[in-house]
Each structure stands twice: as C-alpha cells, then as structure tokens.
Amino acid sequence: MIRLSKSVVGKTESAAVAHVINDIGYLGMGEIVGLFEKDLENYIGGGMKCICVNSGTAALHLAIQAVTNPGDEVLVPSFTFVATYQAITAAGCVPISCEIDPTSLLLDLKDAERRITSRTKVLLPVYFASNLALLDEYRKFACKHHLRLIEDAAHAFGCRHNGQLVGSTGDIVCFSFDGIKNITSGEGGAIFTADSKVINAVSDARLLGVMKDSEKRYKGQRSYVFDVVAQGYRYHMSNIFAAIGRVQLSRFEKEFAPKRQHIARLYTQLLCGNKNVCLIPMNYDEIVPHIFPVLMLHGKRDALIKQLKKYDIQYGIQYRPNHLLTYFKTDYALPVTEDVYSRIISLPMHPELADEDIKLICSIINNL
C-alpha cells in the first residue's frame, strides 16, 4: 500500500518520551511544554508569543473566544475541515460560509465582503494545502473592515511568505501538530500572537480558566489557591506531546521540509502537461506542502479513483464543504466551492514516499 499520509516518528521521539516517563516523571503540562513553546518562538521568530494546546481545533477555539462575544459572526471559507467550524461554534460564534477563489482554493474576499454585517468581528482564512497566496490581501481586508484576523495555518507550519515564516507576523495565527501535519506532537496545536491580552486569555483558558496556572505548571507545580474569572477548558498540552514535538521541530528543516518540497516538485513536473489535471500554483521554495490536492478535469476523477484502488494507493477527498453539512447548512449555494469539491482529489504526501511511488501515481494519472 502507498499511504496518503502518515506519522514519521522514530527512535529519537521514543527516547524523548522515555525521558519524560523515566526521568521527569510528570506526564502532564510542565517544563517540557514550556521548552517546546520557547523552541517554537525561536524557530518562527518575529517576537510573537506561543501558547501550546492539545489540538489545532483547541487553538482556534481559544483564539476566537479571546476576541469575540457570543453571537459574533466569523467569515470563513466553507471549504475547510469541519474542525474550523466547530471551533467557531464552540466559542459561541456564528460561522458565515464564504466562497473560495477557484485558482488558489482560498477564501474569496469579494464574496466575504458581501457577507459583512454589523455583527462581523473576525476574518478566518484557511491556508488550504499550505497555500499562502492571499495572505497580504487578508491582512489588508481585516484592517480595512476593522476585523480581527485569525489565520488557520494548520496546513502551513514551516511555510514562508516573502521570506518570513508564517506565524512570525500578523494578528493571531493557529497551527496544528496532529499526527500527519508538517511536524507532529502526537496531538497538539499552538497559538501565535503579539497581543498580550490574547496570550493571557488563552494561557488561562487552556487550564480550565485557572488564573496564572501556566507559570506553576512550567515548574512542575500546580495552583491550589486560585481564582477563575472566565470559561476554561482542559486544553493544555502534555509533557509527552511536547517531547515528541521538540524532536520533530529539530528534524523539520533538514528532513521533513526538503522531502515534502521535493515530492511536490516531482508531482508538478510529471503532471504539468496533463490536460486532465489542474494543479494549484505554488512556489515550493517557500511552501512546505502538508497535502497535495489536484483538480481532475473532464470527469476523470472517478476513473482515477478506480485505478488508485486497483494499485492499493490511498487518496483523499478534502474537504466536504461545511455549508452542505446538516449542522452548518446554509440557505444559499456556493457554486465555486461545490464545483471544486466535485473534482478535487489529494494524492499521497508524506516524507517516506519514494520517487518510484510518485512516478507510479503520475503514470496512472497520465494514462487515464
């Protein structure tokens, strides 16, 4: 089987976890989480503060909650994993489903502008497939309309825009470190921002709202006399997850990033002349792809799926638009999003793929 995605972990990650279990002896949130946050801040740069949590969804939820009130509206592309929407509604807000640009597959600002009301408080673009093509436009739009900008960068860890790592600038940027992302901590996520009010809010909220508990946790202690002034959740990251994440971060630039970029370039080279395939244009000198989706034209997706199954090659259909889901269903259509969903397919993308795997997949596609 050629897998669509997988966790790439080994003996070094195992040793880091063993150190937490055997030497530190404290498995919950403690010193290792604090060290991972510092590692991430040093890597991303820009002076932004990092708060780690137990998932990318938790990162989005806490970020949204920190800058909104219940009933506020959030502009968001329908074409994203349902986690983005669940984070919005978990914060008591209303997701306003928007179209995507047909070339980049990112949130369409013309459509979003039409959906602004007096209750709109947040613009939440999703960097689908690690694409940062409209980052500057999103920041200008948020400034123009006086909106908070929360960037869902779950796919985009380690990507650069004009030479700067995503997360090093901006309002609020959220990452995911689940098992198949560009780096993993097993499960996990992070919030990057320079806004001290947001940092304080999410830092407490991840620990059930216990005020200033993070400082004690970093020292292997916990609060026994404390106050709670806002809703909190059990969203903190564990030392075990942070230990895995620290090793993964140390491997990213030398191992994971170049391999993912090589795979994307090879796919692009082998498929660029195929008139049945539409590629998402990206600069793989700066982009480190989490997934590799293509649009199949002329009704070829079903034929491709049949052939991939024949050769035991996994594929993905990412993602079913949220405005079509029962819980988030809208009373309006999003024709561009729906058309993209009918043609998109994700090809295998992870650092353990061999060139021979990519050549086989492309040969199947080119021979349809």
Protein backbone atom coordinates (compact mmCIF):
# COMPACT_ATOMS: atom_id res chain seq x y z
CA MET A 1 0.00 0.00 0.00
CA ILE A 2 1.07 3.57 -0.75
CA ARG A 3 -0.35 5.61 2.11
CA LEU A 4 -1.96 9.02 1.67
CA SER A 5 -0.26 10.35 4.82
CA LYS A 6 1.49 9.04 7.91
CA SER A 7 3.31 9.97 11.08
CA VAL A 8 7.08 9.89 10.60
CA VAL A 9 8.49 9.25 14.07
CA GLY A 10 11.29 7.02 15.32
CA LYS A 11 13.83 6.23 18.00
CA THR A 12 14.64 9.85 18.84
CA GLU A 13 11.00 10.65 19.58
CA SER A 14 10.74 7.42 21.60
CA ALA A 15 13.80 8.38 23.64
CA ALA A 16 12.33 11.83 24.34
CA VAL A 17 9.09 10.27 25.61
CA ALA A 18 11.05 7.75 27.70
CA HIS A 19 12.95 10.66 29.27
CA VAL A 20 9.65 12.23 30.36
CA ILE A 21 8.38 8.94 31.77
CA ASN A 22 11.56 7.66 33.40
CA ASP A 23 13.47 10.79 34.39
CA ILE A 24 10.97 13.63 34.77
CA GLY A 25 8.06 11.54 35.97
CA TYR A 26 5.47 14.25 35.33
CA LEU A 27 3.39 13.46 32.24
CA GLY A 28 1.02 16.44 32.25
CA MET A 29 1.78 20.04 31.37
CA GLY A 30 5.16 21.00 32.78
CA GLU A 31 8.68 22.10 31.97
CA ILE A 32 8.85 20.33 28.58
CA VAL A 33 5.80 22.21 27.32
CA GLY A 34 7.46 25.49 28.25
CA LEU A 35 10.63 24.44 26.45
CA PHE A 36 8.65 23.46 23.33
CA GLU A 37 6.96 26.86 23.31
CA LYS A 38 10.34 28.58 23.50
CA ASP A 39 11.69 26.35 20.73
CA LEU A 40 8.76 27.31 18.53
CA GLU A 41 9.15 31.02 19.29
CA ASN A 42 12.85 30.87 18.44
CA TYR A 43 12.18 28.99 15.20
CA ILE A 44 9.29 31.16 13.98
CA GLY A 45 10.92 34.43 15.07
CA GLY A 46 9.36 37.87 14.88
CA GLY A 47 8.86 38.26 18.60
CA MET A 48 5.46 36.56 18.65
CA LYS A 49 4.46 34.68 21.80
CA CYS A 50 3.47 31.00 21.59
CA ILE A 51 0.95 29.09 23.68
CA CYS A 52 0.69 25.32 23.09
CA VAL A 53 -2.57 23.42 23.47
CA ASN A 54 -3.74 19.86 22.84
CA SER A 55 -5.03 20.31 19.27
CA GLY A 56 -5.28 22.73 16.40
CA THR A 57 -9.03 22.87 16.99
CA ALA A 58 -8.43 23.95 20.60
CA ALA A 59 -6.05 26.64 19.33
CA LEU A 60 -8.72 28.06 17.03
CA HIS A 61 -11.43 27.80 19.68
CA LEU A 62 -9.43 29.68 22.31
CA ALA A 63 -8.22 32.29 19.82
CA ILE A 64 -11.76 33.02 18.67
CA GLN A 65 -13.12 33.09 22.21
CA ALA A 66 -10.41 35.55 23.24
CA VAL A 67 -11.51 38.24 20.75
CA THR A 68 -15.27 37.74 20.39
CA ASN A 69 -18.55 37.66 22.26
CA PRO A 70 -21.30 35.05 21.80
CA GLY A 71 -23.32 35.77 18.68
CA ASP A 72 -20.48 37.46 16.79
CA GLU A 73 -20.03 36.41 13.17
CA VAL A 74 -16.89 34.90 11.67
CA LEU A 75 -16.17 34.98 7.92
CA VAL A 76 -14.74 31.59 6.95
CA PRO A 77 -14.37 29.52 3.76
CA SER A 78 -16.81 26.64 3.57
CA PHE A 79 -14.02 24.61 2.01
CA THR A 80 -12.15 23.53 5.14
CA PHE A 81 -12.12 20.63 7.58
CA VAL A 82 -15.09 20.72 9.94
CA ALA A 83 -12.75 21.43 12.87
CA THR A 84 -12.58 25.08 11.80
CA TYR A 85 -16.35 25.42 12.03
CA GLN A 86 -16.63 23.50 15.29
CA ALA A 87 -14.08 25.88 16.83
CA ILE A 88 -16.22 28.86 15.80
CA THR A 89 -19.46 27.49 17.25
CA ALA A 90 -17.67 26.23 20.38
CA ALA A 91 -16.80 29.88 21.06
CA GLY A 92 -20.47 30.78 20.73
CA CYS A 93 -19.97 32.49 17.37
CA VAL A 94 -21.68 32.10 14.01
CA PRO A 95 -19.69 30.83 11.01
CA ILE A 96 -20.55 32.73 7.83
CA SER A 97 -19.74 30.42 4.94
CA CYS A 98 -17.85 32.08 2.09
CA GLU A 99 -16.76 31.09 -1.40
CA ILE A 100 -13.23 30.18 -2.40
CA ASP A 101 -11.09 31.56 -5.18
CA PRO A 102 -11.05 28.91 -7.96
CA THR A 103 -7.29 29.18 -8.55
CA SER A 104 -5.83 29.24 -5.04
CA LEU A 105 -8.77 27.47 -3.34
CA LEU A 106 -8.54 30.06 -0.56
CA LEU A 107 -11.25 32.30 0.90
CA ASP A 108 -12.66 34.68 -1.73
CA LEU A 109 -12.59 38.21 -0.33
CA LYS A 110 -15.12 39.58 -2.82
CA ASP A 111 -17.66 37.07 -1.59
CA ALA A 112 -16.67 37.65 2.03
CA GLU A 113 -17.15 41.41 1.69
CA ARG A 114 -20.74 40.88 0.56
CA ARG A 115 -21.44 38.94 3.75
CA ILE A 116 -20.21 41.54 6.26
CA THR A 117 -22.82 42.72 8.79
CA SER A 118 -22.70 44.77 11.97
CA ARG A 119 -22.06 41.51 13.85
CA THR A 120 -18.98 40.52 11.81
CA LYS A 121 -15.95 40.55 14.08
CA VAL A 122 -13.42 38.06 12.66
CA LEU A 123 -11.94 37.10 9.31
CA LEU A 124 -10.73 33.49 9.49
CA PRO A 125 -8.89 32.43 6.32
CA VAL A 126 -7.70 28.84 5.99
CA TYR A 127 -4.36 28.19 4.29
CA PHE A 128 -5.60 25.11 2.47
CA ALA A 129 -2.84 22.83 1.17
CA SER A 130 -0.28 25.22 2.76
CA ASN A 131 -1.08 27.96 0.25
CA LEU A 132 -0.28 31.49 1.43
CA ALA A 133 -1.04 33.25 -1.87
CA LEU A 134 -3.61 35.69 -0.41
CA LEU A 135 -2.01 36.35 2.97
CA ASP A 136 -1.29 40.04 2.27
CA GLU A 137 -4.80 40.58 0.93
CA TYR A 138 -6.35 39.07 4.05
CA ARG A 139 -4.41 41.38 6.32
CA LYS A 140 -5.38 44.45 4.28
CA PHE A 141 -9.04 43.35 4.25
CA ALA A 142 -9.13 42.81 8.03
CA CYS A 143 -7.58 46.24 8.60
CA LYS A 144 -9.98 47.93 6.18
CA HIS A 145 -13.06 46.45 7.86
CA HIS A 146 -11.73 46.62 11.45
CA LEU A 147 -11.84 42.85 11.92
CA ARG A 148 -9.64 40.59 13.99
CA LEU A 149 -7.67 38.26 11.74
CA ILE A 150 -7.26 34.67 12.93
CA GLU A 151 -5.23 32.68 10.42
CA ASP A 152 -5.92 28.93 10.31
CA ALA A 153 -2.41 27.77 9.42
CA ALA A 154 -2.98 24.12 10.35
CA HIS A 155 -1.56 23.10 6.94
CA ALA A 156 1.15 25.75 6.79
CA PHE A 157 3.70 25.18 9.54
CA GLY A 158 7.19 25.99 8.26
CA CYS A 159 5.94 27.81 5.16
CA ARG A 160 7.33 31.20 4.22
CA HIS A 161 5.75 34.26 2.62
CA ASN A 162 8.20 36.79 1.19
CA GLY A 163 10.92 35.10 3.19
CA GLN A 164 9.12 35.29 6.54
CA LEU A 165 7.81 32.21 8.32
CA VAL A 166 4.05 32.13 8.74
CA GLY A 167 3.36 32.94 12.37
CA SER A 168 6.18 35.47 12.68
CA THR A 169 3.85 38.36 11.80
CA GLY A 170 0.13 39.06 11.87
CA ASP A 171 -2.66 39.26 14.41
CA ILE A 172 -3.33 35.67 15.58
CA VAL A 173 -2.00 32.54 13.85
CA CYS A 174 -3.02 28.99 14.78
CA PHE A 175 -1.14 25.76 13.99
CA SER A 176 -1.93 22.06 14.27
CA PHE A 177 0.58 19.38 15.27
CA ASP A 178 -1.60 16.30 14.89
CA GLY A 179 -0.16 13.02 13.67
CA ILE A 180 0.08 13.81 9.95
CA LYS A 181 0.93 17.52 9.90
CA ASN A 182 4.28 19.01 8.81
CA ILE A 183 5.51 18.33 12.33
CA THR A 184 3.60 16.33 14.93
CA SER A 185 3.47 16.21 18.69
CA GLY A 186 1.12 13.22 18.56
CA GLU A 187 -1.76 15.62 19.08
CA GLY A 188 -1.33 19.33 19.62
CA GLY A 189 -1.62 22.87 18.42
CA ALA A 190 -0.28 26.36 19.03
CA ILE A 191 -1.44 29.97 19.07
CA PHE A 192 0.98 32.71 18.00
CA THR A 193 0.26 36.37 18.68
CA ALA A 194 1.83 39.55 19.98
CA ASP A 195 -1.41 40.57 21.70
CA SER A 196 -0.77 40.23 25.44
CA LYS A 197 -4.49 40.19 26.24
CA VAL A 198 -4.99 37.21 23.93
CA ILE A 199 -1.95 35.45 25.37
CA ASN A 200 -3.23 35.87 28.92
CA ALA A 201 -6.72 34.74 27.96
CA VAL A 202 -5.69 31.58 26.10
CA SER A 203 -2.97 30.74 28.63
CA ASP A 204 -5.52 30.59 31.43
CA ALA A 205 -8.37 29.15 29.35
CA ARG A 206 -6.34 26.07 28.34
CA LEU A 207 -6.04 25.22 32.07
CA LEU A 208 -9.74 25.35 32.98
CA GLY A 209 -9.57 29.12 33.41
CA VAL A 210 -7.32 28.88 36.47
CA MET A 211 -5.56 32.23 36.55
CA LYS A 212 -1.76 32.26 36.20
CA ASP A 213 -1.55 28.46 36.46
CA SER A 214 0.80 28.20 33.47
CA GLU A 215 3.72 29.68 35.41
CA LYS A 216 3.38 26.98 38.08
CA ARG A 217 2.94 24.18 35.52
CA TYR A 218 6.19 25.14 33.80
CA LYS A 219 7.91 24.48 37.15
CA GLY A 220 6.21 21.11 37.68
CA GLN A 221 3.83 22.64 40.25
CA ARG A 222 0.14 23.48 40.25
CA SER A 223 -2.18 26.04 41.82
CA TYR A 224 -4.21 25.13 44.89
CA VAL A 225 -5.46 28.59 45.85
CA PHE A 226 -6.67 30.36 42.73
CA ASP A 227 -9.43 32.31 41.04
CA VAL A 228 -11.39 31.70 37.82
CA VAL A 229 -12.99 34.65 36.03
CA ALA A 230 -13.86 33.14 32.61
CA GLN A 231 -14.83 29.89 30.93
CA GLY A 232 -11.92 27.49 30.60
CA TYR A 233 -11.22 24.06 29.15
CA ARG A 234 -8.88 21.15 29.63
CA TYR A 235 -6.89 22.07 26.52
CA HIS A 236 -3.31 22.10 27.81
CA MET A 237 -0.51 20.16 26.09
CA SER A 238 1.23 17.34 27.96
CA ASN A 239 4.96 16.92 28.52
CA ILE A 240 4.78 13.72 26.46
CA PHE A 241 3.33 15.52 23.44
CA ALA A 242 5.78 18.39 23.82
CA ALA A 243 8.72 15.98 23.96
CA ILE A 244 7.69 14.50 20.61
CA GLY A 245 7.14 17.98 19.18
CA ARG A 246 10.60 19.20 20.18
CA VAL A 247 12.26 16.32 18.33
CA GLN A 248 10.04 16.81 15.29
CA LEU A 249 10.92 20.51 15.17
CA SER A 250 14.62 19.65 15.23
CA ARG A 251 14.10 17.36 12.21
CA PHE A 252 11.91 19.71 10.20
CA GLU A 253 14.35 21.87 8.23
CA LYS A 254 16.82 19.10 7.38
CA GLU A 255 14.46 16.17 6.77
CA PHE A 256 10.76 16.87 6.51
CA ALA A 257 10.62 20.21 4.66
CA PRO A 258 13.03 19.32 1.82
CA LYS A 259 11.40 15.93 1.27
CA ARG A 260 7.88 17.35 1.10
CA GLN A 261 9.05 20.08 -1.28
CA HIS A 262 10.85 17.51 -3.46
CA ILE A 263 7.72 15.37 -3.70
CA ALA A 264 5.58 18.37 -4.68
CA ARG A 265 8.07 19.44 -7.33
CA LEU A 266 8.18 15.92 -8.76
CA TYR A 267 4.39 15.70 -8.92
CA THR A 268 4.30 19.10 -10.63
CA GLN A 269 6.98 18.13 -13.14
CA LEU A 270 5.26 14.88 -14.09
CA LEU A 271 1.69 16.21 -14.21
CA CYS A 272 2.07 19.76 -15.56
CA GLY A 273 1.49 18.69 -19.17
CA ASN A 274 -1.65 16.67 -18.45
CA LYS A 275 -4.76 18.43 -19.78
CA ASN A 276 -6.96 16.42 -17.43
CA VAL A 277 -5.22 17.82 -14.35
CA CYS A 278 -5.35 21.30 -12.83
CA LEU A 279 -2.55 21.99 -10.34
CA ILE A 280 -2.69 24.60 -7.59
CA PRO A 281 0.09 27.10 -8.41
CA MET A 282 2.58 27.41 -5.55
CA ASN A 283 6.21 28.34 -5.00
CA TYR A 284 7.78 25.27 -3.40
CA ASP A 285 10.89 27.22 -2.49
CA GLU A 286 8.76 28.80 0.26
CA ILE A 287 5.82 26.43 0.65
CA VAL A 288 6.15 23.13 2.56
CA PRO A 289 3.06 21.20 1.46
CA HIS A 290 1.00 19.29 4.02
CA ILE A 291 -1.23 17.70 1.35
CA PHE A 292 -1.07 17.60 -2.45
CA PRO A 293 -4.53 18.09 -3.99
CA VAL A 294 -5.24 18.36 -7.71
CA LEU A 295 -8.41 19.06 -9.66
CA MET A 296 -9.36 16.35 -12.14
CA LEU A 297 -10.97 17.77 -15.27
CA HIS A 298 -13.27 16.27 -17.90
CA GLY A 299 -14.92 13.87 -15.45
CA LYS A 300 -11.71 11.89 -14.84
CA ARG A 301 -11.83 11.72 -11.03
CA ASP A 302 -13.93 8.56 -10.81
CA ALA A 303 -11.67 6.78 -13.30
CA LEU A 304 -8.62 7.84 -11.28
CA ILE A 305 -10.13 6.60 -8.02
CA LYS A 306 -10.82 3.22 -9.63
CA GLN A 307 -7.20 2.91 -10.78
CA LEU A 308 -5.74 4.04 -7.46
CA LYS A 309 -7.80 1.39 -5.66
CA LYS A 310 -6.56 -1.22 -8.14
CA TYR A 311 -2.95 -0.43 -7.25
CA ASP A 312 -3.69 -0.13 -3.50
CA ILE A 313 -2.88 3.58 -3.43
CA GLN A 314 -4.68 5.71 -0.86
CA TYR A 315 -6.26 9.04 -1.82
CA GLY A 316 -8.26 11.78 -0.10
CA ILE A 317 -11.29 13.94 -0.96
CA GLN A 318 -10.55 17.03 1.14
CA TYR A 319 -12.91 18.53 2.20
CA ARG A 320 -16.69 18.23 2.09
CA PRO A 321 -17.87 21.86 2.20
CA ASN A 322 -19.29 22.78 5.58
CA HIS A 323 -22.28 24.61 4.16
CA LEU A 324 -23.51 21.22 2.91
CA LEU A 325 -23.31 19.60 6.37
CA THR A 326 -26.58 19.38 8.28
CA TYR A 327 -25.35 21.30 11.33
CA PHE A 328 -23.85 24.17 9.31
CA LYS A 329 -26.16 24.12 6.27
CA THR A 330 -26.81 27.46 4.60
CA ASP A 331 -29.83 28.67 2.67
CA TYR A 332 -27.54 29.75 -0.17
CA ALA A 333 -25.31 27.89 -2.61
CA LEU A 334 -21.57 28.35 -3.08
CA PRO A 335 -21.14 27.17 -6.68
CA VAL A 336 -17.35 27.56 -6.94
CA THR A 337 -16.81 25.61 -3.72
CA GLU A 338 -19.24 22.91 -4.79
CA ASP A 339 -17.62 22.57 -8.21
CA VAL A 340 -14.14 22.27 -6.66
CA TYR A 341 -15.41 19.61 -4.26
CA SER A 342 -16.74 17.58 -7.19
CA ARG A 343 -13.30 17.47 -8.87
CA ILE A 344 -10.66 17.59 -6.14
CA ILE A 345 -8.55 14.63 -5.04
CA SER A 346 -5.50 14.53 -2.75
CA LEU A 347 -2.53 12.41 -3.77
CA PRO A 348 -0.12 10.75 -1.28
CA MET A 349 2.14 13.23 0.52
CA HIS A 350 4.48 12.34 3.38
CA PRO A 351 8.27 12.24 3.86
CA GLU A 352 8.62 8.47 3.50
CA LEU A 353 7.34 8.35 -0.09
CA ALA A 354 9.91 7.22 -2.65
CA ASP A 355 10.35 8.75 -6.11
CA GLU A 356 9.18 5.44 -7.55
CA ASP A 357 5.87 5.87 -5.70
CA ILE A 358 5.33 9.32 -7.19
CA LYS A 359 6.25 8.13 -10.68
CA LEU A 360 3.78 5.24 -10.42
CA ILE A 361 0.96 7.54 -9.28
CA CYS A 362 1.68 10.05 -12.06
CA SER A 363 1.90 7.28 -14.63
CA ILE A 364 -1.57 6.11 -13.62
CA ILE A 365 -2.93 9.64 -13.92
CA ASN A 366 -1.23 10.31 -17.25
CA ASN A 367 -2.56 7.08 -18.72
CA LEU A 368 -6.22 7.65 -17.91
